[in-house]
């Protein structure tokens, strides 16, 4: 499954819970909050000042 910037974080974590570590390491420390589960990866990156393209590279590594 290819992870896209339009994917909802809650969906990502439901399907691939092991990716939470990558998000946390990138600076997203609020993965359990209600907003995070309804936000897209792109929206969360904007809110946290994270380069979405760089994060997608890491998330899509096998």
N, C-alpha and C. Protein backbone atom coordinates (compact mmCIF):
# COMPACT_ATOMS: atom_id res chain seq x y z
N UNK A 1 0.85 -1.17 0.00
CA UNK A 1 0.00 0.00 0.00
C UNK A 1 0.90 1.24 0.00
N UNK A 2 0.65 2.14 -0.94
CA UNK A 2 1.41 3.38 -1.01
C UNK A 2 0.72 4.42 -0.13
N UNK A 3 1.50 5.05 0.72
CA UNK A 3 0.98 6.08 1.61
C UNK A 3 1.03 7.42 0.89
N UNK A 4 -0.10 8.11 0.83
CA UNK A 4 -0.22 9.39 0.15
C UNK A 4 -0.45 10.50 1.17
N UNK A 5 -0.16 11.74 0.79
CA UNK A 5 -0.34 12.86 1.71
C UNK A 5 -1.79 13.14 2.04
N UNK A 6 -2.71 12.63 1.25
CA UNK A 6 -4.13 12.84 1.51
C UNK A 6 -4.72 11.78 2.45
N UNK A 7 -3.91 10.82 2.86
CA UNK A 7 -4.39 9.76 3.76
C UNK A 7 -4.64 10.35 5.16
N UNK A 8 -5.72 9.92 5.76
CA UNK A 8 -6.06 10.34 7.12
C UNK A 8 -5.14 9.59 8.10
N UNK A 9 -4.59 10.32 9.06
CA UNK A 9 -3.65 9.72 10.00
C UNK A 9 -4.29 8.54 10.75
N UNK A 10 -5.53 8.69 11.16
CA UNK A 10 -6.21 7.60 11.85
C UNK A 10 -6.28 6.34 11.02
N UNK A 11 -6.53 6.50 9.71
CA UNK A 11 -6.57 5.35 8.80
C UNK A 11 -5.19 4.72 8.67
N UNK A 12 -4.16 5.57 8.54
CA UNK A 12 -2.79 5.06 8.45
C UNK A 12 -2.44 4.23 9.68
N UNK A 13 -2.73 4.77 10.86
CA UNK A 13 -2.38 4.08 12.09
C UNK A 13 -3.20 2.81 12.31
N UNK A 14 -4.42 2.80 11.79
CA UNK A 14 -5.25 1.60 11.90
C UNK A 14 -4.70 0.48 11.02
N UNK A 15 -4.29 0.85 9.82
CA UNK A 15 -3.77 -0.15 8.87
C UNK A 15 -2.32 -0.53 9.14
N UNK A 16 -1.51 0.47 9.51
CA UNK A 16 -0.07 0.25 9.69
C UNK A 16 0.40 0.88 10.99
N UNK A 17 0.04 0.31 12.12
CA UNK A 17 0.38 0.92 13.41
C UNK A 17 1.87 1.10 13.64
N UNK A 18 2.68 0.30 12.96
CA UNK A 18 4.13 0.42 13.11
C UNK A 18 4.67 1.75 12.56
N UNK A 19 3.89 2.45 11.77
CA UNK A 19 4.32 3.74 11.21
C UNK A 19 4.23 4.87 12.24
N UNK A 20 3.61 4.63 13.37
CA UNK A 20 3.51 5.65 14.42
C UNK A 20 4.88 6.14 14.87
N UNK A 21 5.84 5.24 14.93
CA UNK A 21 7.19 5.63 15.35
C UNK A 21 7.80 6.65 14.40
N UNK A 22 7.57 6.49 13.11
CA UNK A 22 8.10 7.42 12.12
C UNK A 22 7.45 8.79 12.30
N UNK A 23 6.14 8.82 12.51
CA UNK A 23 5.45 10.08 12.72
C UNK A 23 5.94 10.78 13.98
N UNK A 24 6.12 10.02 15.04
CA UNK A 24 6.60 10.59 16.30
C UNK A 24 8.02 11.14 16.14
N UNK A 25 8.88 10.39 15.49
CA UNK A 25 10.25 10.84 15.27
C UNK A 25 10.30 12.11 14.43
N UNK A 26 9.33 12.29 13.54
CA UNK A 26 9.28 13.47 12.68
C UNK A 26 8.80 14.70 13.45
N UNK A 27 8.20 14.50 14.62
CA UNK A 27 7.74 15.63 15.43
C UNK A 27 6.25 15.65 15.71
N UNK A 28 5.55 14.62 15.31
CA UNK A 28 4.11 14.53 15.60
C UNK A 28 3.93 13.75 16.89
N UNK A 29 3.86 14.46 17.98
CA UNK A 29 3.79 13.82 19.29
C UNK A 29 2.36 13.71 19.83
N UNK A 30 1.39 14.10 19.03
CA UNK A 30 0.00 14.08 19.51
C UNK A 30 -0.85 13.11 18.70
N UNK A 31 -0.33 11.94 18.43
CA UNK A 31 -1.05 10.98 17.59
C UNK A 31 -2.32 10.43 18.22
N UNK A 32 -2.44 10.56 19.51
CA UNK A 32 -3.64 10.04 20.18
C UNK A 32 -4.74 11.07 20.33
N UNK A 33 -4.49 12.31 19.92
CA UNK A 33 -5.53 13.33 20.08
C UNK A 33 -6.59 13.17 18.99
N UNK A 34 -7.78 13.67 19.25
CA UNK A 34 -8.91 13.52 18.33
C UNK A 34 -8.65 14.18 16.99
N UNK A 35 -7.97 15.30 16.99
CA UNK A 35 -7.71 16.00 15.73
C UNK A 35 -6.81 15.15 14.82
N UNK A 36 -5.80 14.54 15.38
CA UNK A 36 -4.86 13.75 14.57
C UNK A 36 -5.56 12.64 13.80
N UNK A 37 -6.56 12.06 14.37
CA UNK A 37 -7.21 10.94 13.71
C UNK A 37 -8.12 11.37 12.56
N UNK A 38 -8.43 12.66 12.47
CA UNK A 38 -9.24 13.15 11.36
C UNK A 38 -8.46 13.98 10.37
N UNK A 39 -7.19 14.23 10.63
CA UNK A 39 -6.34 15.03 9.77
C UNK A 39 -5.66 14.18 8.71
N UNK A 40 -5.38 14.81 7.58
CA UNK A 40 -4.56 14.14 6.58
C UNK A 40 -3.10 14.28 7.00
N UNK A 41 -2.26 13.48 6.41
CA UNK A 41 -0.83 13.57 6.67
C UNK A 41 -0.34 14.96 6.28
N UNK A 42 -0.82 15.47 5.18
CA UNK A 42 -0.41 16.80 4.72
C UNK A 42 -0.82 17.89 5.71
N UNK A 43 -2.04 17.84 6.21
CA UNK A 43 -2.51 18.84 7.18
C UNK A 43 -1.67 18.80 8.45
N UNK A 44 -1.37 17.60 8.92
CA UNK A 44 -0.57 17.45 10.14
C UNK A 44 0.84 17.99 9.92
N UNK A 45 1.40 17.74 8.75
CA UNK A 45 2.74 18.25 8.45
C UNK A 45 2.74 19.77 8.44
N UNK A 46 1.73 20.36 7.86
CA UNK A 46 1.63 21.82 7.85
C UNK A 46 1.55 22.37 9.26
N UNK A 47 0.77 21.73 10.11
CA UNK A 47 0.59 22.18 11.48
C UNK A 47 1.86 22.05 12.31
N UNK A 48 2.71 21.09 11.97
CA UNK A 48 3.91 20.83 12.75
C UNK A 48 5.20 21.30 12.07
N UNK A 49 5.08 21.94 10.91
CA UNK A 49 6.25 22.43 10.21
C UNK A 49 7.16 21.33 9.68
N UNK A 50 6.54 20.25 9.21
CA UNK A 50 7.28 19.09 8.70
C UNK A 50 7.14 19.05 7.18
N UNK A 51 8.22 18.74 6.49
CA UNK A 51 8.18 18.61 5.03
C UNK A 51 7.44 17.32 4.69
N UNK A 52 6.29 17.46 4.07
CA UNK A 52 5.43 16.30 3.80
C UNK A 52 6.09 15.33 2.83
N UNK A 53 6.80 15.84 1.85
CA UNK A 53 7.43 14.95 0.87
C UNK A 53 8.52 14.09 1.51
N UNK A 54 9.32 14.69 2.39
CA UNK A 54 10.36 13.93 3.10
C UNK A 54 9.73 12.87 4.00
N UNK A 55 8.65 13.24 4.67
CA UNK A 55 7.97 12.28 5.55
C UNK A 55 7.40 11.12 4.74
N UNK A 56 6.82 11.41 3.59
CA UNK A 56 6.25 10.35 2.75
C UNK A 56 7.32 9.36 2.29
N UNK A 57 8.51 9.86 2.01
CA UNK A 57 9.62 8.96 1.63
C UNK A 57 9.87 7.98 2.76
N UNK A 58 9.94 8.49 3.99
CA UNK A 58 10.20 7.62 5.15
C UNK A 58 9.04 6.66 5.38
N UNK A 59 7.82 7.15 5.29
CA UNK A 59 6.65 6.30 5.53
C UNK A 59 6.52 5.19 4.50
N UNK A 60 6.96 5.45 3.28
CA UNK A 60 6.82 4.46 2.21
C UNK A 60 8.00 3.51 2.08
N UNK A 61 9.02 3.69 2.91
CA UNK A 61 10.11 2.72 2.90
C UNK A 61 9.60 1.42 3.47
N UNK A 62 10.06 0.33 2.93
CA UNK A 62 9.60 -0.97 3.41
C UNK A 62 10.36 -1.41 4.62
